[in-house]
Amino acid sequence: MPRKISTTPRKSPQQDRSKITVDAILTATTHILTKEGYDTASTNRIAELAGVSIGSLYQYFPNKEALIASLIEHHANEMVELVESKLRDLFDAPIEVVFHKLVKACIEAHAVNPKLHKVLNEQVPRIGRLKKVAHAEEQIAALIHTYLEKWRYQVKPQNLDLTVFMIGTIVESLTHTAVIEHPEFISGGQLEQEITNLLLAYVVGDTSQK
C-alpha cells in the first residue's frame, strides 16, 4: 500500500520575518519549476536557492509535496482574485459586457505566470492539487451563477448549473490552451472577442457584441 504523503504545511508564517522566509522559499520553488522542471525541485535545492537552511524550510513544509501544494494554492488564489476583482462590480452590466470582461480577466489570470501554470498542469503530480484548484474554480462559478440568476430572463438554456459549467469549461479550456500553446493569439484582442461571441451565441443566441 503506497505511503500517504501529507501536503499540509507544518505551520503558517505569522511574523514579518517568517513571511519573508516563506516567500523566498516559494519564489525559489517557482524559479526551479519554471527553469528546470518538477523533478529537479528537491527541498535541498530549493532551500539553497532561497538562501535558507533546510531546517528552516522543514519548519514550514514537511516535504516537497506540501511546498508544491502551497504554491498551487497561492497561484490559484492569485488567479481567482484577479478574476473576481474584474467582475464583482458588474452585476448591473449587460451580459455581453460581463462575458467580455470575464474572458479578458481569465486570459490575464492565466498570463500571470504562464510558465509556472504550464509546469503545474503538466509536470506536477495531482497530490493535493485538485481540491485547491477545484475550490478556486467553484468561486468563479458561483460568481457567474449569481450573475446569470439576476439576468435569468435573457438566458436561453434552461439548466443554469449546466450553463455555468459550460461557460467555465469553455473559457478555461480556450484561455489556458491559448496562453500556453498559442500566445500569438492573445495580442490584439481577437481571441477574447471570439470567445465572447461564442458564449453569447450559446447563452443568449447573439453572436455579435453590441
N, C-alpha and C. Protein backbone atom coordinates (compact mmCIF):
# COMPACT_ATOMS: atom_id res chain seq x y z
N MET A 1 0.85 -1.19 0.00
CA MET A 1 0.00 0.00 0.00
C MET A 1 0.89 1.24 0.00
N PRO A 2 0.69 2.19 -0.94
CA PRO A 2 1.56 3.36 -1.01
C PRO A 2 1.43 4.25 0.20
N ARG A 3 2.54 4.84 0.60
CA ARG A 3 2.55 5.74 1.75
C ARG A 3 1.78 7.02 1.42
N LYS A 4 0.91 7.42 2.34
CA LYS A 4 0.15 8.65 2.16
C LYS A 4 1.04 9.85 2.45
N ILE A 5 1.13 10.74 1.51
CA ILE A 5 2.01 11.90 1.64
C ILE A 5 1.20 13.11 2.08
N SER A 6 1.65 13.74 3.16
CA SER A 6 0.97 14.94 3.65
C SER A 6 1.30 16.14 2.77
N THR A 7 0.27 16.90 2.42
CA THR A 7 0.50 18.13 1.66
C THR A 7 0.11 19.36 2.49
N THR A 8 -0.03 19.17 3.79
CA THR A 8 -0.41 20.27 4.69
C THR A 8 0.84 20.92 5.27
N PRO A 9 0.97 22.23 5.16
CA PRO A 9 2.13 22.91 5.77
C PRO A 9 2.18 22.66 7.27
N ARG A 10 3.37 22.63 7.84
CA ARG A 10 3.51 22.41 9.29
C ARG A 10 2.96 23.59 10.07
N LYS A 11 3.22 24.80 9.58
CA LYS A 11 2.70 25.99 10.23
C LYS A 11 2.67 27.13 9.23
N SER A 12 1.87 28.14 9.55
CA SER A 12 1.79 29.32 8.69
C SER A 12 2.65 30.43 9.28
N PRO A 13 3.30 31.22 8.42
CA PRO A 13 4.13 32.31 8.94
C PRO A 13 3.28 33.40 9.57
N GLN A 14 3.68 33.87 10.73
CA GLN A 14 2.92 34.90 11.44
C GLN A 14 3.65 36.24 11.47
N GLN A 15 4.94 36.20 11.71
CA GLN A 15 5.72 37.43 11.81
C GLN A 15 6.28 37.81 10.43
N ASP A 16 6.66 39.06 10.30
CA ASP A 16 7.17 39.56 9.01
C ASP A 16 8.39 38.76 8.56
N ARG A 17 9.27 38.45 9.51
CA ARG A 17 10.49 37.72 9.14
C ARG A 17 10.17 36.33 8.59
N SER A 18 9.23 35.64 9.24
CA SER A 18 8.86 34.30 8.77
C SER A 18 8.12 34.37 7.44
N LYS A 19 7.34 35.41 7.24
CA LYS A 19 6.65 35.58 5.95
C LYS A 19 7.66 35.80 4.82
N ILE A 20 8.71 36.57 5.12
CA ILE A 20 9.77 36.79 4.13
C ILE A 20 10.46 35.47 3.79
N THR A 21 10.68 34.65 4.81
CA THR A 21 11.31 33.34 4.60
C THR A 21 10.45 32.46 3.69
N VAL A 22 9.17 32.37 4.00
CA VAL A 22 8.27 31.54 3.20
C VAL A 22 8.16 32.08 1.78
N ASP A 23 8.09 33.39 1.63
CA ASP A 23 8.04 33.99 0.28
C ASP A 23 9.29 33.63 -0.51
N ALA A 24 10.44 33.66 0.16
CA ALA A 24 11.70 33.31 -0.51
C ALA A 24 11.69 31.85 -0.94
N ILE A 25 11.14 30.98 -0.11
CA ILE A 25 11.06 29.55 -0.44
C ILE A 25 10.14 29.33 -1.63
N LEU A 26 8.98 29.98 -1.62
CA LEU A 26 8.03 29.82 -2.73
C LEU A 26 8.58 30.42 -4.03
N THR A 27 9.30 31.54 -3.91
CA THR A 27 9.91 32.16 -5.09
C THR A 27 10.98 31.24 -5.67
N ALA A 28 11.79 30.64 -4.81
CA ALA A 28 12.82 29.71 -5.28
C ALA A 28 12.18 28.49 -5.93
N THR A 29 11.08 28.01 -5.35
CA THR A 29 10.37 26.86 -5.92
C THR A 29 9.85 27.19 -7.32
N THR A 30 9.26 28.37 -7.45
CA THR A 30 8.76 28.81 -8.76
C THR A 30 9.89 28.87 -9.78
N HIS A 31 11.02 29.42 -9.37
CA HIS A 31 12.16 29.55 -10.28
C HIS A 31 12.64 28.19 -10.76
N ILE A 32 12.80 27.26 -9.84
CA ILE A 32 13.30 25.93 -10.21
C ILE A 32 12.29 25.19 -11.08
N LEU A 33 11.01 25.29 -10.72
CA LEU A 33 9.98 24.61 -11.52
C LEU A 33 9.96 25.12 -12.95
N THR A 34 10.02 26.43 -13.13
CA THR A 34 9.89 27.01 -14.47
C THR A 34 11.18 26.90 -15.28
N LYS A 35 12.32 26.87 -14.60
CA LYS A 35 13.60 26.81 -15.32
C LYS A 35 14.12 25.39 -15.52
N GLU A 36 13.85 24.52 -14.54
CA GLU A 36 14.47 23.20 -14.56
C GLU A 36 13.48 22.04 -14.52
N GLY A 37 12.24 22.31 -14.10
CA GLY A 37 11.23 21.26 -14.08
C GLY A 37 11.00 20.69 -12.69
N TYR A 38 9.92 19.94 -12.55
CA TYR A 38 9.48 19.41 -11.27
C TYR A 38 10.49 18.44 -10.66
N ASP A 39 11.06 17.57 -11.46
CA ASP A 39 11.95 16.52 -10.94
C ASP A 39 13.19 17.10 -10.27
N THR A 40 13.63 18.26 -10.71
CA THR A 40 14.83 18.89 -10.15
C THR A 40 14.54 19.64 -8.86
N ALA A 41 13.28 19.88 -8.58
CA ALA A 41 12.90 20.73 -7.44
C ALA A 41 12.91 19.95 -6.13
N SER A 42 14.10 19.57 -5.66
CA SER A 42 14.22 18.92 -4.36
C SER A 42 14.20 19.98 -3.26
N THR A 43 13.87 19.56 -2.04
CA THR A 43 13.84 20.52 -0.94
C THR A 43 15.22 21.10 -0.67
N ASN A 44 16.25 20.31 -0.81
CA ASN A 44 17.62 20.82 -0.61
C ASN A 44 17.96 21.88 -1.65
N ARG A 45 17.60 21.62 -2.89
CA ARG A 45 17.87 22.56 -3.98
C ARG A 45 17.09 23.85 -3.77
N ILE A 46 15.85 23.73 -3.33
CA ILE A 46 15.00 24.91 -3.10
C ILE A 46 15.55 25.74 -1.95
N ALA A 47 15.91 25.08 -0.85
CA ALA A 47 16.45 25.80 0.31
C ALA A 47 17.73 26.54 -0.05
N GLU A 48 18.58 25.89 -0.83
CA GLU A 48 19.83 26.51 -1.26
C GLU A 48 19.58 27.77 -2.06
N LEU A 49 18.67 27.69 -3.03
CA LEU A 49 18.38 28.85 -3.87
C LEU A 49 17.69 29.95 -3.08
N ALA A 50 16.86 29.57 -2.12
CA ALA A 50 16.14 30.55 -1.30
C ALA A 50 17.04 31.23 -0.28
N GLY A 51 18.23 30.64 -0.04
CA GLY A 51 19.15 31.22 0.93
C GLY A 51 18.76 30.93 2.37
N VAL A 52 18.07 29.79 2.58
CA VAL A 52 17.67 29.40 3.93
C VAL A 52 18.20 27.99 4.19
N SER A 53 18.26 27.62 5.46
CA SER A 53 18.69 26.27 5.80
C SER A 53 17.57 25.29 5.51
N ILE A 54 17.93 24.03 5.32
CA ILE A 54 16.92 23.01 5.08
C ILE A 54 16.02 22.87 6.30
N GLY A 55 16.61 23.12 7.50
CA GLY A 55 15.81 23.08 8.72
C GLY A 55 14.74 24.16 8.74
N SER A 56 15.07 25.35 8.23
CA SER A 56 14.08 26.43 8.15
C SER A 56 12.96 26.07 7.20
N LEU A 57 13.31 25.45 6.08
CA LEU A 57 12.28 25.02 5.13
C LEU A 57 11.34 24.01 5.78
N TYR A 58 11.92 23.05 6.50
CA TYR A 58 11.11 22.00 7.11
C TYR A 58 10.27 22.50 8.29
N GLN A 59 10.59 23.68 8.80
CA GLN A 59 9.73 24.28 9.84
C GLN A 59 8.33 24.55 9.28
N TYR A 60 8.28 24.87 7.99
CA TYR A 60 7.01 25.24 7.36
C TYR A 60 6.44 24.14 6.46
N PHE A 61 7.30 23.40 5.80
CA PHE A 61 6.85 22.40 4.83
C PHE A 61 7.49 21.05 5.14
N PRO A 62 6.69 20.01 5.43
CA PRO A 62 7.26 18.72 5.80
C PRO A 62 7.93 17.99 4.64
N ASN A 63 7.59 18.37 3.41
CA ASN A 63 8.14 17.69 2.24
C ASN A 63 7.94 18.55 1.00
N LYS A 64 8.45 18.06 -0.09
CA LYS A 64 8.34 18.76 -1.37
C LYS A 64 6.89 18.90 -1.80
N GLU A 65 6.08 17.86 -1.55
CA GLU A 65 4.69 17.87 -1.98
C GLU A 65 3.89 18.96 -1.28
N ALA A 66 4.14 19.16 0.01
CA ALA A 66 3.44 20.20 0.76
C ALA A 66 3.83 21.59 0.25
N LEU A 67 5.09 21.74 -0.11
CA LEU A 67 5.58 23.00 -0.64
C LEU A 67 4.90 23.31 -1.99
N ILE A 68 4.85 22.31 -2.86
CA ILE A 68 4.23 22.49 -4.17
C ILE A 68 2.74 22.78 -4.02
N ALA A 69 2.07 22.08 -3.07
CA ALA A 69 0.65 22.30 -2.83
C ALA A 69 0.39 23.74 -2.40
N SER A 70 1.26 24.29 -1.56
CA SER A 70 1.12 25.68 -1.12
C SER A 70 1.32 26.64 -2.29
N LEU A 71 2.25 26.32 -3.15
CA LEU A 71 2.49 27.15 -4.33
C LEU A 71 1.27 27.12 -5.26
N ILE A 72 0.68 25.94 -5.44
CA ILE A 72 -0.52 25.82 -6.27
C ILE A 72 -1.65 26.64 -5.68
N GLU A 73 -1.82 26.56 -4.36
CA GLU A 73 -2.89 27.31 -3.70
C GLU A 73 -2.68 28.82 -3.90
N HIS A 74 -1.44 29.25 -3.72
CA HIS A 74 -1.12 30.67 -3.90
C HIS A 74 -1.40 31.12 -5.34
N HIS A 75 -0.99 30.30 -6.31
CA HIS A 75 -1.20 30.64 -7.72
C HIS A 75 -2.69 30.66 -8.06
N ALA A 76 -3.43 29.66 -7.56
CA ALA A 76 -4.87 29.60 -7.83
C ALA A 76 -5.59 30.78 -7.20
N ASN A 77 -5.24 31.13 -5.97
CA ASN A 77 -5.87 32.27 -5.30
C ASN A 77 -5.58 33.57 -6.03
N GLU A 78 -4.36 33.69 -6.53
CA GLU A 78 -3.98 34.89 -7.29
C GLU A 78 -4.85 35.03 -8.54
N MET A 79 -5.10 33.91 -9.22
CA MET A 79 -5.93 33.94 -10.41
C MET A 79 -7.38 34.29 -10.08
N VAL A 80 -7.90 33.68 -9.01
CA VAL A 80 -9.29 33.95 -8.61
C VAL A 80 -9.47 35.41 -8.22
N GLU A 81 -8.53 35.93 -7.45
CA GLU A 81 -8.63 37.32 -7.01
C GLU A 81 -8.63 38.28 -8.19
N LEU A 82 -7.83 37.96 -9.21
CA LEU A 82 -7.79 38.82 -10.39
C LEU A 82 -9.14 38.80 -11.11
N VAL A 83 -9.70 37.60 -11.30
CA VAL A 83 -10.99 37.50 -12.00
C VAL A 83 -12.10 38.16 -11.19
N GLU A 84 -12.13 37.89 -9.89
CA GLU A 84 -13.17 38.47 -9.04
C GLU A 84 -13.09 40.00 -9.02
N SER A 85 -11.87 40.53 -9.00
CA SER A 85 -11.71 41.99 -8.97
C SER A 85 -12.27 42.64 -10.22
N LYS A 86 -12.26 41.91 -11.34
CA LYS A 86 -12.77 42.45 -12.60
C LYS A 86 -14.29 42.34 -12.69
N LEU A 87 -14.87 41.37 -11.96
CA LEU A 87 -16.29 41.07 -12.15
C LEU A 87 -17.21 41.55 -11.02
N ARG A 88 -16.66 41.78 -9.83
CA ARG A 88 -17.53 41.98 -8.67
C ARG A 88 -18.42 43.22 -8.79
N ASP A 89 -18.05 44.21 -9.59
CA ASP A 89 -18.84 45.44 -9.70
C ASP A 89 -19.66 45.49 -10.99
N LEU A 90 -19.85 44.33 -11.64
CA LEU A 90 -20.51 44.33 -12.95
C LEU A 90 -21.89 43.66 -12.95
N PHE A 91 -22.52 43.51 -11.79
CA PHE A 91 -23.78 42.77 -11.74
C PHE A 91 -24.94 43.52 -12.41
N ASP A 92 -24.77 44.81 -12.65
CA ASP A 92 -25.81 45.57 -13.35
C ASP A 92 -25.46 45.79 -14.82
N ALA A 93 -24.32 45.28 -15.26
CA ALA A 93 -23.89 45.47 -16.65
C ALA A 93 -24.55 44.43 -17.56
N PRO A 94 -24.72 44.75 -18.85
CA PRO A 94 -25.31 43.79 -19.81
C PRO A 94 -24.45 42.53 -19.94
N ILE A 95 -25.09 41.44 -20.37
CA ILE A 95 -24.40 40.16 -20.47
C ILE A 95 -23.20 40.24 -21.40
N GLU A 96 -23.33 40.94 -22.52
CA GLU A 96 -22.21 40.99 -23.46
C GLU A 96 -20.99 41.68 -22.86
N VAL A 97 -21.22 42.67 -21.99
CA VAL A 97 -20.12 43.36 -21.32
C VAL A 97 -19.47 42.44 -20.30
N VAL A 98 -20.28 41.74 -19.52
CA VAL A 98 -19.76 40.86 -18.47
C VAL A 98 -18.99 39.69 -19.07
N PHE A 99 -19.52 39.10 -20.13
CA PHE A 99 -18.81 37.98 -20.77
C PHE A 99 -17.46 38.42 -21.32
N HIS A 100 -17.43 39.60 -21.91
CA HIS A 100 -16.16 40.11 -22.44
C HIS A 100 -15.17 40.35 -21.31
N LYS A 101 -15.65 40.93 -20.20
CA LYS A 101 -14.77 41.17 -19.05
C LYS A 101 -14.30 39.85 -18.44
N LEU A 102 -15.19 38.85 -18.39
CA LEU A 102 -14.84 37.55 -17.85
C LEU A 102 -13.73 36.90 -18.67
N VAL A 103 -13.90 36.90 -19.97
CA VAL A 103 -12.90 36.29 -20.86
C VAL A 103 -11.56 37.03 -20.74
N LYS A 104 -11.62 38.34 -20.77
CA LYS A 104 -10.41 39.15 -20.67
C LYS A 104 -9.69 38.90 -19.34
N ALA A 105 -10.46 38.81 -18.25
CA ALA A 105 -9.87 38.58 -16.93
C ALA A 105 -9.24 37.20 -16.85
N CYS A 106 -9.88 36.19 -17.45
CA CYS A 106 -9.33 34.83 -17.42
C CYS A 106 -8.04 34.74 -18.23
N ILE A 107 -7.99 35.44 -19.35
CA ILE A 107 -6.76 35.47 -20.14
C ILE A 107 -5.64 36.12 -19.32
N GLU A 108 -5.95 37.23 -18.67
CA GLU A 108 -4.95 37.91 -17.85
C GLU A 108 -4.51 37.04 -16.68
N ALA A 109 -5.46 36.30 -16.09
CA ALA A 109 -5.13 35.43 -14.95
C ALA A 109 -4.19 34.31 -15.37
N HIS A 110 -4.47 33.70 -16.50
CA HIS A 110 -3.61 32.62 -16.98
C HIS A 110 -2.23 33.14 -17.41
N ALA A 111 -2.18 34.42 -17.74
CA ALA A 111 -0.92 35.01 -18.19
C ALA A 111 -0.08 35.56 -17.04
N VAL A 112 -0.57 35.42 -15.79
CA VAL A 112 0.18 35.92 -14.63
C VAL A 112 1.58 35.31 -14.60
N ASN A 113 1.66 34.01 -14.76
CA ASN A 113 2.95 33.32 -14.86
C ASN A 113 2.71 32.07 -15.70
N PRO A 114 2.64 32.23 -17.02
CA PRO A 114 2.27 31.10 -17.88
C PRO A 114 3.22 29.91 -17.79
N LYS A 115 4.51 30.17 -17.57
CA LYS A 115 5.46 29.05 -17.45
C LYS A 115 5.16 28.22 -16.21
N LEU A 116 4.87 28.90 -15.10
CA LEU A 116 4.52 28.18 -13.88
C LEU A 116 3.21 27.42 -14.07
N HIS A 117 2.24 28.06 -14.68
CA HIS A 117 0.94 27.43 -14.93
C HIS A 117 1.11 26.16 -15.75
N LYS A 118 1.98 26.23 -16.73
CA LYS A 118 2.23 25.07 -17.60
C LYS A 118 2.85 23.92 -16.81
N VAL A 119 3.86 24.23 -15.98
CA VAL A 119 4.52 23.20 -15.20
C VAL A 119 3.55 22.56 -14.20
N LEU A 120 2.77 23.39 -13.52
CA LEU A 120 1.84 22.88 -12.53
C LEU A 120 0.79 21.96 -13.15
N ASN A 121 0.42 22.24 -14.38
CA ASN A 121 -0.59 21.43 -15.06
C ASN A 121 -0.02 20.18 -15.71
N GLU A 122 1.23 20.26 -16.17
CA GLU A 122 1.77 19.17 -16.98
C GLU A 122 2.76 18.27 -16.25
N GLN A 123 3.46 18.80 -15.26
CA GLN A 123 4.53 18.01 -14.63
C GLN A 123 4.25 17.60 -13.19
N VAL A 124 3.50 18.42 -12.48
CA VAL A 124 3.30 18.18 -11.06
C VAL A 124 2.26 17.09 -10.83
N PRO A 125 2.58 16.07 -10.02
CA PRO A 125 1.58 15.04 -9.69
C PRO A 125 0.37 15.67 -9.02
N ARG A 126 -0.76 15.02 -9.12
CA ARG A 126 -2.01 15.58 -8.60
C ARG A 126 -2.16 15.35 -7.10
N ILE A 127 -1.07 15.48 -6.37
CA ILE A 127 -1.10 15.33 -4.91
C ILE A 127 -1.50 16.67 -4.31
N GLY A 128 -2.67 16.71 -3.69
CA GLY A 128 -3.12 17.93 -3.05
C GLY A 128 -3.49 19.03 -4.01
N ARG A 129 -3.52 18.73 -5.30
CA ARG A 129 -3.75 19.78 -6.29
C ARG A 129 -5.21 20.00 -6.60
N LEU A 130 -5.93 18.92 -6.80
CA LEU A 130 -7.29 19.03 -7.31
C LEU A 130 -8.20 19.80 -6.39
N LYS A 131 -8.10 19.56 -5.08
CA LYS A 131 -9.01 20.20 -4.14
C LYS A 131 -8.84 21.71 -4.14
N LYS A 132 -7.59 22.17 -4.19
CA LYS A 132 -7.34 23.60 -4.16
C LYS A 132 -7.76 24.27 -5.46
N VAL A 133 -7.44 23.64 -6.58
CA VAL A 133 -7.81 24.20 -7.88
C VAL A 133 -9.32 24.17 -8.05
N ALA A 134 -9.96 23.07 -7.60
CA ALA A 134 -11.41 22.95 -7.71
C ALA A 134 -12.09 24.05 -6.90
N HIS A 135 -11.54 24.36 -5.73
CA HIS A 135 -12.13 25.41 -4.90
C HIS A 135 -12.06 26.75 -5.61
N ALA A 136 -10.95 27.03 -6.25
CA ALA A 136 -10.80 28.28 -6.99
C ALA A 136 -11.82 28.35 -8.13
N GLU A 137 -12.00 27.24 -8.84
CA GLU A 137 -12.96 27.21 -9.94
C GLU A 137 -14.39 27.37 -9.42
N GLU A 138 -14.67 26.82 -8.25
CA GLU A 138 -16.01 26.93 -7.66
C GLU A 138 -16.33 28.37 -7.30
N GLN A 139 -15.34 29.13 -6.87
CA GLN A 139 -15.55 30.54 -6.54
C GLN A 139 -15.96 31.34 -7.78
N ILE A 140 -15.27 31.09 -8.87
CA ILE A 140 -15.61 31.78 -10.12
C ILE A 140 -16.99 31.34 -10.61
N ALA A 141 -17.27 30.03 -10.52
CA ALA A 141 -18.56 29.51 -10.97
C ALA A 141 -19.71 30.12 -10.16
N ALA A 142 -19.51 30.28 -8.86
CA ALA A 142 -20.54 30.87 -8.01
C ALA A 142 -20.82 32.32 -8.41
N LEU A 143 -19.78 33.03 -8.77
CA LEU A 143 -19.92 34.42 -9.21
C LEU A 143 -20.74 34.49 -10.51
N ILE A 144 -20.43 33.61 -11.45
CA ILE A 144 -21.16 33.56 -12.73
C ILE A 144 -22.61 33.15 -12.49
N HIS A 145 -22.83 32.18 -11.63
CA HIS A 145 -24.18 31.69 -11.34
C HIS A 145 -25.05 32.81 -10.77
N THR A 146 -24.51 33.54 -9.81
CA THR A 146 -25.25 34.65 -9.20
C THR A 146 -25.61 35.70 -10.24
N TYR A 147 -24.68 36.00 -11.12
CA TYR A 147 -24.95 36.99 -12.17
C TYR A 147 -26.06 36.50 -13.11
N LEU A 148 -25.97 35.26 -13.58
CA LEU A 148 -26.96 34.74 -14.53
C LEU A 148 -28.35 34.63 -13.90
N GLU A 149 -28.40 34.36 -12.62
CA GLU A 149 -29.69 34.34 -11.93
C GLU A 149 -30.37 35.70 -12.00
N LYS A 150 -29.58 36.73 -11.87
CA LYS A 150 -30.11 38.10 -11.93
C LYS A 150 -30.68 38.42 -13.31
N TRP A 151 -30.04 37.87 -14.36
CA TRP A 151 -30.43 38.13 -15.74
C TRP A 151 -31.09 36.90 -16.36
N ARG A 152 -31.79 36.13 -15.53
CA ARG A 152 -32.35 34.84 -15.96
C ARG A 152 -33.24 34.96 -17.19
N TYR A 153 -33.97 36.04 -17.33
CA TYR A 153 -34.92 36.20 -18.44
C TYR A 153 -34.23 36.27 -19.80
N GLN A 154 -32.94 36.58 -19.81
CA GLN A 154 -32.20 36.65 -21.08
C GLN A 154 -31.47 35.35 -21.41
N VAL A 155 -31.39 34.45 -20.44
CA VAL A 155 -30.60 33.23 -20.61
C VAL A 155 -31.46 32.15 -21.26
N LYS A 156 -31.06 31.67 -22.44
CA LYS A 156 -31.85 30.68 -23.17
C LYS A 156 -31.77 29.26 -22.59
N PRO A 157 -30.58 28.74 -22.24
CA PRO A 157 -30.54 27.39 -21.66
C PRO A 157 -31.35 27.32 -20.37
N GLN A 158 -32.05 26.22 -20.15
CA GLN A 158 -32.93 26.09 -19.00
C GLN A 158 -32.19 25.67 -17.74
N ASN A 159 -31.17 24.86 -17.89
CA ASN A 159 -30.43 24.35 -16.73
C ASN A 159 -29.27 25.30 -16.43
N LEU A 160 -29.46 26.12 -15.38
CA LEU A 160 -28.47 27.16 -15.08
C LEU A 160 -27.16 26.56 -14.58
N ASP A 161 -27.23 25.47 -13.81
CA ASP A 161 -26.00 24.82 -13.33
C ASP A 161 -25.17 24.31 -14.51
N LEU A 162 -25.85 23.69 -15.48
CA LEU A 162 -25.16 23.20 -16.67
C LEU A 162 -24.59 24.37 -17.48
N THR A 163 -25.34 25.45 -17.56
CA THR A 163 -24.88 26.63 -18.30
C THR A 163 -23.61 27.20 -17.70
N VAL A 164 -23.57 27.29 -16.37
CA VAL A 164 -22.38 27.80 -15.69
C VAL A 164 -21.20 26.86 -15.94
N PHE A 165 -21.45 25.54 -15.89
CA PHE A 165 -20.40 24.56 -16.17
C PHE A 165 -19.86 24.73 -17.58
N MET A 166 -20.76 24.91 -18.55
CA MET A 166 -20.36 25.08 -19.94
C MET A 166 -19.51 26.35 -20.12
N ILE A 167 -19.97 27.44 -19.52
CA ILE A 167 -19.24 28.70 -19.64
C ILE A 167 -17.84 28.57 -19.04
N GLY A 168 -17.77 28.01 -17.83
CA GLY A 168 -16.48 27.86 -17.17
C GLY A 168 -15.53 26.97 -17.95
N THR A 169 -16.05 25.87 -18.48
CA THR A 169 -15.21 24.94 -19.24
C THR A 169 -14.72 25.55 -20.54
N ILE A 170 -15.61 26.24 -21.23
CA ILE A 170 -15.23 26.88 -22.50
C ILE A 170 -14.13 27.92 -22.27
N VAL A 171 -14.36 28.79 -21.31
CA VAL A 171 -13.41 29.88 -21.05
C VAL A 171 -12.07 29.33 -20.55
N GLU A 172 -12.12 28.41 -19.58
CA GLU A 172 -10.89 27.85 -19.01
C GLU A 172 -10.09 27.09 -20.06
N SER A 173 -10.76 26.25 -20.82
CA SER A 173 -10.05 25.42 -21.81
C SER A 173 -9.41 26.27 -22.90
N LEU A 174 -10.16 27.22 -23.44
CA LEU A 174 -9.64 28.02 -24.55
C LEU A 174 -8.56 29.00 -24.09
N THR A 175 -8.77 29.66 -22.95
CA THR A 175 -7.76 30.63 -22.49
C THR A 175 -6.49 29.91 -22.06
N HIS A 176 -6.63 28.79 -21.37
CA HIS A 176 -5.45 28.02 -20.94
C HIS A 176 -4.63 27.57 -22.14
N THR A 177 -5.31 26.97 -23.11
CA THR A 177 -4.60 26.44 -24.28
C THR A 177 -3.94 27.55 -25.08
N ALA A 178 -4.64 28.68 -25.21
CA ALA A 178 -4.08 29.79 -25.98
C ALA A 178 -2.85 30.38 -25.29
N VAL A 179 -2.95 30.63 -24.00
CA VAL A 179 -1.83 31.24 -23.27
C VAL A 179 -0.61 30.32 -23.28
N ILE A 180 -0.83 29.01 -23.12
CA ILE A 180 0.28 28.07 -23.04
C ILE A 180 0.82 27.68 -24.40
N GLU A 181 -0.06 27.42 -25.36
CA GLU A 181 0.38 26.85 -26.64
C GLU A 181 0.35 27.84 -27.81
N HIS A 182 -0.50 28.85 -27.73
CA HIS A 182 -0.61 29.81 -28.84
C HIS A 182 -0.67 31.24 -28.32
N PRO A 183 0.39 31.71 -27.67
CA PRO A 183 0.37 33.08 -27.13
C PRO A 183 0.21 34.15 -28.21
N GLU A 184 0.50 33.79 -29.46
CA GLU A 184 0.34 34.77 -30.55
C GLU A 184 -1.13 35.14 -30.76
N PHE A 185 -2.05 34.29 -30.29
CA PHE A 185 -3.47 34.59 -30.44
C PHE A 185 -3.96 35.63 -29.43
N ILE A 186 -3.16 35.89 -28.40
CA ILE A 186 -3.60 36.76 -27.31
C ILE A 186 -3.60 38.23 -27.71
N SER A 187 -2.57 38.62 -28.44
CA SER A 187 -2.42 40.05 -28.78
C SER A 187 -3.53 40.51 -29.73
N GLY A 188 -3.92 41.76 -29.56
CA GLY A 188 -4.90 42.36 -30.45
C GLY A 188 -6.34 42.16 -30.05
N GLY A 189 -6.59 41.32 -29.04
CA GLY A 189 -7.94 41.16 -28.54
C GLY A 189 -8.85 40.26 -29.37
N GLN A 190 -8.31 39.65 -30.42
CA GLN A 190 -9.17 38.83 -31.28
C GLN A 190 -9.67 37.59 -30.56
N LEU A 191 -8.81 36.95 -29.78
CA LEU A 191 -9.21 35.74 -29.08
C LEU A 191 -10.34 36.02 -28.10
N GLU A 192 -10.20 37.07 -27.29
CA GLU A 192 -11.24 37.37 -26.31
C GLU A 192 -12.56 37.72 -26.99
N GLN A 193 -12.48 38.37 -28.16
CA GLN A 193 -13.69 38.69 -28.91
C GLN A 193 -14.38 37.42 -29.42
N GLU A 194 -13.59 36.49 -29.95
CA GLU A 194 -14.16 35.25 -30.49
C GLU A 194 -14.78 34.39 -29.39
N ILE A 195 -14.11 34.30 -28.23
CA ILE A 195 -14.66 33.52 -27.11
C ILE A 195 -15.93 34.18 -26.59
N THR A 196 -15.92 35.51 -26.52
CA THR A 196 -17.11 36.24 -26.07
C THR A 196 -18.29 35.97 -27.00
N ASN A 197 -18.06 36.03 -28.29
CA ASN A 197 -19.12 35.76 -29.26
C ASN A 197 -19.65 34.33 -29.13
N LEU A 198 -18.74 33.40 -28.85
CA LEU A 198 -19.14 32.01 -28.66
C LEU A 198 -20.07 31.87 -27.45
N LEU A 199 -19.72 32.53 -26.35
CA LEU A 199 -20.55 32.48 -25.15
C LEU A 199 -21.91 33.13 -25.38
N LEU A 200 -21.91 34.26 -26.07
CA LEU A 200 -23.17 34.96 -26.34
C LEU A 200 -24.09 34.11 -27.22
N ALA A 201 -23.52 33.45 -28.21
CA ALA A 201 -24.31 32.59 -29.09
C ALA A 201 -24.96 31.47 -28.29
N TYR A 202 -24.23 30.94 -27.32
CA TYR A 202 -24.75 29.83 -26.52
C TYR A 202 -25.80 30.31 -25.51
N VAL A 203 -25.52 31.42 -24.82
CA VAL A 203 -26.36 31.82 -23.70
C VAL A 203 -27.58 32.66 -24.14
N VAL A 204 -27.37 33.60 -25.05
CA VAL A 204 -28.48 34.49 -25.44
C VAL A 204 -28.83 34.41 -26.92
N GLY A 205 -28.07 33.62 -27.68
CA GLY A 205 -28.36 33.49 -29.11
C GLY A 205 -27.91 34.65 -29.94
N ASP A 206 -26.93 35.40 -29.43
CA ASP A 206 -26.43 36.59 -30.13
C ASP A 206 -24.95 36.41 -30.38
N THR A 207 -24.51 36.44 -31.63
CA THR A 207 -23.10 36.20 -31.96
C THR A 207 -22.31 37.48 -32.15
N SER A 208 -22.91 38.62 -31.87
CA SER A 208 -22.17 39.87 -32.07
C SER A 208 -22.27 40.71 -30.81
N GLN A 209 -21.13 41.30 -30.41
CA GLN A 209 -21.12 42.19 -29.27
C GLN A 209 -21.73 43.52 -29.62
N LYS A 210 -22.58 44.03 -28.77
CA LYS A 210 -23.15 45.37 -29.02
C LYS A 210 -22.14 46.41 -28.62
